[in-house]
Amino acid sequence: MHIHYFHFLKMLSALKRYAHTRTFAFCATALVFIVLAIVPFAVPLFGGFGALQWDAREVHLTNLIFSSQTWHNGFVPLWTPYLFNGFPQIADMQVAVFYPINLLLGYFFVFDQQILFWQIVFHYALAGFGMFLLVRHIAVSYIGGLFAGIAYMFSGFMIGHASHVGMQNTAAWLPIVMLLVLYALETQRWPYAVFAGSAAGIAILAGHFQTAVFLLFVIFGYFIFNMTSGWLRERKIAWKKLLLFMCIGATAFLISAVQLLPTFELTKQSQRAAIDRELAQTESLNPQSLRGLITPNHNNAAYGEYFGPWDRTQNYLFLGITTLAFAIACLLLIRRIKNPVVWFFPPLAYVAVAYSLGKYSFLHSYFYLLPLFNKMRAPSNMMIVFDFAVIVCAGVGLAALIRAFPKAKLFALLAVAVVCAELLPYAITSELMYARKEPQTLFAKPRIVESVQEEYRALEGVDRFRLYRVPELDRNLAQVFGVDDFSGYNPLALQRQAAYEDAMVKNPALIDLGSIKYLPCEYIISRAQALKKEGNLCVNEGYFSRAFLADAYAVAVTGTEALTRMAEVNLKKTLVLEKDPHLTQDARSLEGEVTLNENNNPNEVHMTVTANKPTLVFINQAYYPGWTASVDGETTEVLRANYLFQAVRVPAGTHTVLLRYTSQPLKQGIILSMIGLILFIGALLTIVRNKPRARAIHETLPH
């Protein structure tokens, strides 16, 4: 008994010693941020009430469900057949297939609402803890870091974009990336530059192109600031810092190459390949909305019936009077703050808000001339950079006040409590976080979907039709219900897809060619009177099969010419190709059939084709680089047919035709990302091997 008591006292003594260590303090602080992140989502997580809101449900969850189900079926989620007329899922950055957290969760589980809620909670905690570490490093203040962490995780951008999972995930990494960049330039050691680049690469993989560009802009801006200030002091270029910055950029690219290369390929063919300045300035921040920085429910942005400009998510800006007051204190005391890094953040905040104003300010027009910035709209989203810069200043300002008035520590703790009390209630009550609905309404199956699923069971695969802009089928929900939608939501939708949809209104034969059966009557006005109605939809019974034979063709030089020629021919019998197929001429009438064989792999199409003479088989699937075809195992060319679709040459007789999608940019990206991973492991081993030296360097830096 005495021996056990002795061991118990020894354990208590060890715990007491551990409680005074920095590791314990970090773990306890991380736990605080985890608890705070859970609080706004406690009801949907533990109370069984609440559903994901807007894009979180219709875009992010639907894509994650499809990709995780595909992993569990034993396939890589390269291509989705359910949206548009097929779409390269792997190239869609917002799906975030290779984001490490999504990859792990999707590999072991099929995504559902609860998993995505926990994923969002994790990123709120990550945002808060990362900001805590950053401000603690800059200001050498635990309390200042705690204040800034709470202010950032519940800032206007983070709350406003809770439903934009990719934006929220990417923004959560910004403080951590900035901290590692600072540390790399302060230590001037390449392993830390690799760590900073790796964190930036992971942030890119998190799934939102625009927020990732803003993150990279912050890094680049700080590098310019650091190099310029160093040159003004010493009148020489710090070549080592330049090499470190190049190392950060190269590592970020290598780590994210597995996603970036497929995305670059898609971007070239998407409707975002080039946008004019007017479109780029849509959803500019109205100057009147800046009142929302101190008015928590300005225009009912947090809850109630919103009546402000465009989207409420971009107009919830609340930072609170407390945060803004301490940011002003930082400006007033900035000359007394020893760390010169602080001088970077006030101009960063100014640039961010000036850019966010878009058409209401001069700055966006200049940014539009830069690469990447000319492919983005909604400049108001740069308020993440404004929030980030202001909150860093606020945390540093609080720390400066503590130093100026050593007896003000109780005041500082009170400030932390006040900012939490100021921001957290709106995180808890805001409709921006989640919908106040029963969770079973998340994917309530519309009547039209039940009807379509019943029809599918009675049809052969080749006769399986598509829907188009059915109001009950919100955006990308087709992937959840397993029905085929000729539309969908994606900012990177193919430019030809958009042009084809515009042409359908004038030429209803294009609706037939798209295998579309159910659609709003407004899209088929010329036939609407004669068509059967199903509720508020027109029923187009004359839709074409998903694959059919044709031996007549016309050749168009350009896509524009192809659309014109398609209005002049019988699309059931004649294909419009953009390359001469050199089909062997045969005077006999074409006879034969196409059978689509059952196949669970979304990246492949299996067909059996029988024809009495050499012919072309039309496949109702988007033409996209990476699709290959074989006839009885012999490789053949995939032709672009009827502007948007695919066709394959098939000889006379009965043949097995296999189409398979493989992404060459993906293969190249995997190789580059593996190099990045090896570089990261090498940097980690270098740090571990030189740990005593690293500790000595660390002790010379601010803590």
Foldseek 3Di string as FASTA:
>chain_A
DVVVVVVVVVVVVVVVVVCPDPVVVLVVLLVVLLVLLCQLVVCVQPVQFFFQDDCLQAPALLLLLLQLVQLVVVHGQQKDCFAANIDGSLQQLQNLCPLPVSVVCSNVHRDDGNVVSVVLSVLLSLLLSLQLVQLCQQQVDNLLSNLLSLLLSLFLLLLLCLNSQLLSNLLSLLSNLVSLLVVCLLLLDQLSLLVSLLSLLSSSSSGDLVSSVLSVVLSVLLLVVVQVVVCVVVVDGPVSSVVSPVSSNLLSCLQNLLRVLSNVQLCCQFPLVFDDLVQQAPQADDPVLVVLQAVQQVQHLFHDDRDDPDHSSLSNGHSHPLLQVLLVLLVVCVVVRDRPSLVSLPVQLVLLSQQSNRVVHDNVVVVCPDPPSRSHHNSSSSVSSNSSSSSSSSSSSLSVVCVVPVVCVVVSVVSSVVSCVVRSVSSNRGCSNTHRGRHVVSCDDDPVLVVLVVVVVVDAQQLQAEEEVDVVCPANCCSVSVHHHSHHDDNSHGPLSVVLQVLCQVPVVSVLALRHFKYACNSVVVCQVVFDDDVRIGGDPNHGTQKDWEAAEAEDQDLVVLSVVVSVDDVVHYKYFPDDPPWDDDPDDKDWGKHWDDDPNSFKTKIKTAIQAKTKMWGSHFDGPQKWKDKQNHTFDWTDISSGTTMTIDGHGIIMMMIGGDDPSSVVSVVSSVVSVVSSVVSVVVCVVVVVVVVVSVVVRSD
